[in-house]
Amino acid sequence: MNEQVPHPMTPQDCLVAIMVAISASDENIRTAELVKIETAVNMLPVFADYDIDRVKRISQTVFDLFEQEEGLDALFGLIRNNLPERLNETAYALACDVAAADGKLAESELRLLEEIRYELDIDRLHAAAIERGARARHTT
């Protein structure tokens, strides 16, 4: 299978890919998570000029990568190559929001969040603050 994305990934594609990855990490994409992704893409300034139709293509790319043995490494490679460093904390915040959207964190989601923190080089204190904010926003 061709591992190249047909079009280069935009920074926004990377953010979508991270949100889809965290949602798919427990092999059960919940409605609350999909709504969170859609709301982020529709409302956040970083997505102002983003073509919403790309969400489906980026989602399929993530699913295809997850079927491969080194798929997660390939995904992080794409993100490292296409996500500007200034958006690393944004990416982590979006991942935390999607993970928290359904009110529970699966072990697989926690592991992937840890990998995202590592791959995006998120400072531990900043990560704790981002996680705390996500928890506060999603408490019922």
C-alpha atoms as a PDB file:
ATOM      1  CA  MET A   1       0.000   0.000   0.000  1.00  0.00           C
ATOM      2  CA  ASN A   2       1.177   3.496  -0.797  1.00  0.00           C
ATOM      3  CA  GLU A   3       1.999   5.304   2.444  1.00  0.00           C
ATOM      4  CA  GLN A   4       2.003   8.747   0.823  1.00  0.00           C
ATOM      5  CA  VAL A   5      -0.966  11.022   1.383  1.00  0.00           C
ATOM      6  CA  PRO A   6      -2.254  12.135  -2.046  1.00  0.00           C
ATOM      7  CA  HIS A   7      -1.907  15.788  -1.051  1.00  0.00           C
ATOM      8  CA  PRO A   8       0.578  17.143   1.471  1.00  0.00           C
ATOM      9  CA  MET A   9      -0.918  17.469   4.928  1.00  0.00           C
ATOM     10  CA  THR A  10      -1.702  20.985   6.055  1.00  0.00           C
ATOM     11  CA  PRO A  11      -1.195  21.975   9.690  1.00  0.00           C
ATOM     12  CA  GLN A  12      -4.984  21.724  10.087  1.00  0.00           C
ATOM     13  CA  ASP A  13      -4.931  18.212   8.590  1.00  0.00           C
ATOM     14  CA  CYS A  14      -2.402  17.296  11.285  1.00  0.00           C
ATOM     15  CA  LEU A  15      -4.702  18.613  14.013  1.00  0.00           C
ATOM     16  CA  VAL A  16      -7.616  16.626  12.572  1.00  0.00           C
ATOM     17  CA  ALA A  17      -5.421  13.516  12.317  1.00  0.00           C
ATOM     18  CA  ILE A  18      -4.464  13.774  15.986  1.00  0.00           C
ATOM     19  CA  MET A  19      -8.104  14.167  17.031  1.00  0.00           C
ATOM     20  CA  VAL A  20      -9.170  11.196  14.881  1.00  0.00           C
ATOM     21  CA  ALA A  21      -6.257   9.109  16.183  1.00  0.00           C
ATOM     22  CA  ILE A  22      -7.154   9.696  19.836  1.00  0.00           C
ATOM     23  CA  SER A  23     -10.801   8.909  19.076  1.00  0.00           C
ATOM     24  CA  ALA A  24      -9.902   5.693  17.234  1.00  0.00           C
ATOM     25  CA  SER A  25      -7.256   4.617  19.759  1.00  0.00           C
ATOM     26  CA  ASP A  26      -9.732   2.565  21.814  1.00  0.00           C
ATOM     27  CA  GLU A  27     -11.197   1.049  18.616  1.00  0.00           C
ATOM     28  CA  ASN A  28     -14.556   2.621  19.447  1.00  0.00           C
ATOM     29  CA  ILE A  29     -15.227   6.050  17.975  1.00  0.00           C
ATOM     30  CA  ARG A  30     -18.001   7.534  20.064  1.00  0.00           C
ATOM     31  CA  THR A  31     -20.563  10.105  18.943  1.00  0.00           C
ATOM     32  CA  ALA A  32     -19.390  12.558  21.624  1.00  0.00           C
ATOM     33  CA  GLU A  33     -15.866  12.367  20.182  1.00  0.00           C
ATOM     34  CA  LEU A  34     -17.079  12.933  16.615  1.00  0.00           C
ATOM     35  CA  VAL A  35     -19.161  15.915  17.740  1.00  0.00           C
ATOM     36  CA  LYS A  36     -16.086  17.318  19.539  1.00  0.00           C
ATOM     37  CA  ILE A  37     -13.983  16.998  16.363  1.00  0.00           C
ATOM     38  CA  GLU A  38     -16.696  18.574  14.203  1.00  0.00           C
ATOM     39  CA  THR A  39     -17.206  21.423  16.684  1.00  0.00           C
ATOM     40  CA  ALA A  40     -13.471  22.119  16.834  1.00  0.00           C
ATOM     41  CA  VAL A  41     -13.193  22.240  13.046  1.00  0.00           C
ATOM     42  CA  ASN A  42     -16.276  24.456  12.765  1.00  0.00           C
ATOM     43  CA  MET A  43     -15.497  26.869  15.613  1.00  0.00           C
ATOM     44  CA  LEU A  44     -11.777  27.282  16.268  1.00  0.00           C
ATOM     45  CA  PRO A  45      -9.843  30.094  14.572  1.00  0.00           C
ATOM     46  CA  VAL A  46      -7.052  27.719  13.497  1.00  0.00           C
ATOM     47  CA  PHE A  47      -9.607  26.025  11.186  1.00  0.00           C
ATOM     48  CA  ALA A  48     -11.059  29.282   9.759  1.00  0.00           C
ATOM     49  CA  ASP A  49     -10.033  28.533   6.152  1.00  0.00           C
ATOM     50  CA  TYR A  50     -10.117  24.741   6.420  1.00  0.00           C
ATOM     51  CA  ASP A  51     -12.055  22.678   3.898  1.00  0.00           C
ATOM     52  CA  ILE A  52     -14.354  20.537   6.061  1.00  0.00           C
ATOM     53  CA  ASP A  53     -14.483  17.907   3.297  1.00  0.00           C
ATOM     54  CA  ARG A  54     -10.836  17.040   4.078  1.00  0.00           C
ATOM     55  CA  VAL A  55     -11.860  15.597   7.474  1.00  0.00           C
ATOM     56  CA  LYS A  56     -13.143  12.403   5.843  1.00  0.00           C
ATOM     57  CA  ARG A  57      -9.963  11.944   3.767  1.00  0.00           C
ATOM     58  CA  ILE A  58      -7.670  12.598   6.751  1.00  0.00           C
ATOM     59  CA  SER A  59      -9.758  10.231   8.897  1.00  0.00           C
ATOM     60  CA  GLN A  60      -9.361   7.487   6.281  1.00  0.00           C
ATOM     61  CA  THR A  61      -5.602   8.126   6.197  1.00  0.00           C
ATOM     62  CA  VAL A  62      -5.445   7.647   9.988  1.00  0.00           C
ATOM     63  CA  PHE A  63      -7.530   4.439   9.805  1.00  0.00           C
ATOM     64  CA  ASP A  64      -5.299   3.089   6.998  1.00  0.00           C
ATOM     65  CA  LEU A  65      -2.163   3.887   8.993  1.00  0.00           C
ATOM     66  CA  PHE A  66      -3.586   2.229  12.134  1.00  0.00           C
ATOM     67  CA  GLU A  67      -3.972  -1.017  10.141  1.00  0.00           C
ATOM     68  CA  GLN A  68      -0.216  -1.072   9.473  1.00  0.00           C
ATOM     69  CA  GLU A  69       2.342  -2.405  11.923  1.00  0.00           C
ATOM     70  CA  GLU A  70       4.322   0.856  12.128  1.00  0.00           C
ATOM     71  CA  GLY A  71       1.287   3.029  11.413  1.00  0.00           C
ATOM     72  CA  LEU A  72       1.474   5.145  14.555  1.00  0.00           C
ATOM     73  CA  ASP A  73       5.137   5.944  13.857  1.00  0.00           C
ATOM     74  CA  ALA A  74       4.193   6.860  10.275  1.00  0.00           C
ATOM     75  CA  LEU A  75       1.415   9.126  11.573  1.00  0.00           C
ATOM     76  CA  PHE A  76       3.794  10.888  13.962  1.00  0.00           C
ATOM     77  CA  GLY A  77       6.264  11.260  11.080  1.00  0.00           C
ATOM     78  CA  LEU A  78       3.622  13.010   8.983  1.00  0.00           C
ATOM     79  CA  ILE A  79       2.713  15.249  11.907  1.00  0.00           C
ATOM     80  CA  ARG A  80       6.352  16.103  12.678  1.00  0.00           C
ATOM     81  CA  ASN A  81       6.892  17.035   9.018  1.00  0.00           C
ATOM     82  CA  ASN A  82       3.731  19.128   8.602  1.00  0.00           C
ATOM     83  CA  LEU A  83       2.695  20.607  11.971  1.00  0.00           C
ATOM     84  CA  PRO A  84       4.435  23.854  12.901  1.00  0.00           C
ATOM     85  CA  GLU A  85       5.876  23.716  16.416  1.00  0.00           C
ATOM     86  CA  ARG A  86       3.707  26.689  17.462  1.00  0.00           C
ATOM     87  CA  LEU A  87       0.658  24.395  17.102  1.00  0.00           C
ATOM     88  CA  ASN A  88       2.001  21.524  19.245  1.00  0.00           C
ATOM     89  CA  GLU A  89       0.148  22.623  22.377  1.00  0.00           C
ATOM     90  CA  THR A  90      -2.997  23.239  20.306  1.00  0.00           C
ATOM     91  CA  ALA A  91      -2.737  19.685  18.977  1.00  0.00           C
ATOM     92  CA  TYR A  92      -2.343  18.294  22.492  1.00  0.00           C
ATOM     93  CA  ALA A  93      -5.261  20.368  23.799  1.00  0.00           C
ATOM     94  CA  LEU A  94      -7.496  19.104  20.982  1.00  0.00           C
ATOM     95  CA  ALA A  95      -6.428  15.516  21.681  1.00  0.00           C
ATOM     96  CA  CYS A  96      -7.252  15.948  25.385  1.00  0.00           C
ATOM     97  CA  ASP A  97     -10.654  17.454  24.575  1.00  0.00           C
ATOM     98  CA  VAL A  98     -11.559  14.586  22.238  1.00  0.00           C
ATOM     99  CA  ALA A  99     -10.324  11.989  24.753  1.00  0.00           C
ATOM    100  CA  ALA A 100     -12.396  13.596  27.530  1.00  0.00           C
ATOM    101  CA  ALA A 101     -15.502  14.150  25.391  1.00  0.00           C
ATOM    102  CA  ASP A 102     -17.221  10.877  26.300  1.00  0.00           C
ATOM    103  CA  GLY A 103     -16.558  11.256  30.026  1.00  0.00           C
ATOM    104  CA  LYS A 104     -14.076   8.402  30.370  1.00  0.00           C
ATOM    105  CA  LEU A 105     -10.484   7.754  29.383  1.00  0.00           C
ATOM    106  CA  ALA A 106      -9.584   4.286  28.144  1.00  0.00           C
ATOM    107  CA  GLU A 107      -6.106   2.944  28.857  1.00  0.00           C
ATOM    108  CA  SER A 108      -5.343   3.108  25.112  1.00  0.00           C
ATOM    109  CA  GLU A 109      -6.319   6.810  25.052  1.00  0.00           C
ATOM    110  CA  LEU A 110      -4.065   7.538  28.028  1.00  0.00           C
ATOM    111  CA  ARG A 111      -1.157   5.738  26.330  1.00  0.00           C
ATOM    112  CA  LEU A 112      -1.675   7.644  23.085  1.00  0.00           C
ATOM    113  CA  LEU A 113      -1.901  10.970  24.946  1.00  0.00           C
ATOM    114  CA  GLU A 114       1.421  10.101  26.574  1.00  0.00           C
ATOM    115  CA  GLU A 115       2.947   9.380  23.152  1.00  0.00           C
ATOM    116  CA  ILE A 116       1.542  12.621  21.721  1.00  0.00           C
ATOM    117  CA  ARG A 117       3.061  14.531  24.666  1.00  0.00           C
ATOM    118  CA  TYR A 118       6.413  12.908  23.935  1.00  0.00           C
ATOM    119  CA  GLU A 119       6.283  13.262  20.134  1.00  0.00           C
ATOM    120  CA  LEU A 120       5.214  16.916  20.286  1.00  0.00           C
ATOM    121  CA  ASP A 121       7.682  17.674  23.094  1.00  0.00           C
ATOM    122  CA  ILE A 122       5.007  19.160  25.371  1.00  0.00           C
ATOM    123  CA  ASP A 123       6.454  20.482  28.636  1.00  0.00           C
ATOM    124  CA  ARG A 124       5.147  18.445  31.618  1.00  0.00           C
ATOM    125  CA  LEU A 125       3.755  21.495  33.406  1.00  0.00           C
ATOM    126  CA  HIS A 126       2.039  22.747  30.245  1.00  0.00           C
ATOM    127  CA  ALA A 127       0.638  19.261  29.622  1.00  0.00           C
ATOM    128  CA  ALA A 128      -0.772  19.123  33.161  1.00  0.00           C
ATOM    129  CA  ALA A 129      -2.451  22.503  32.671  1.00  0.00           C
ATOM    130  CA  ILE A 130      -3.922  21.447  29.309  1.00  0.00           C
ATOM    131  CA  GLU A 131      -5.182  18.171  30.823  1.00  0.00           C
ATOM    132  CA  ARG A 132      -6.689  20.010  33.787  1.00  0.00           C
ATOM    133  CA  GLY A 133      -8.509  22.387  31.449  1.00  0.00           C
ATOM    134  CA  ALA A 134      -9.915  19.508  29.408  1.00  0.00           C
ATOM    135  CA  ARG A 135     -11.071  17.781  32.602  1.00  0.00           C
ATOM    136  CA  ALA A 136     -12.743  20.985  33.818  1.00  0.00           C
ATOM    137  CA  ARG A 137     -14.528  21.543  30.479  1.00  0.00           C
ATOM    138  CA  HIS A 138     -15.887  17.985  30.381  1.00  0.00           C
ATOM    139  CA  THR A 139     -16.950  17.454  33.994  1.00  0.00           C
ATOM    140  CA  THR A 140     -20.633  16.632  34.327  1.00  0.00           C
END
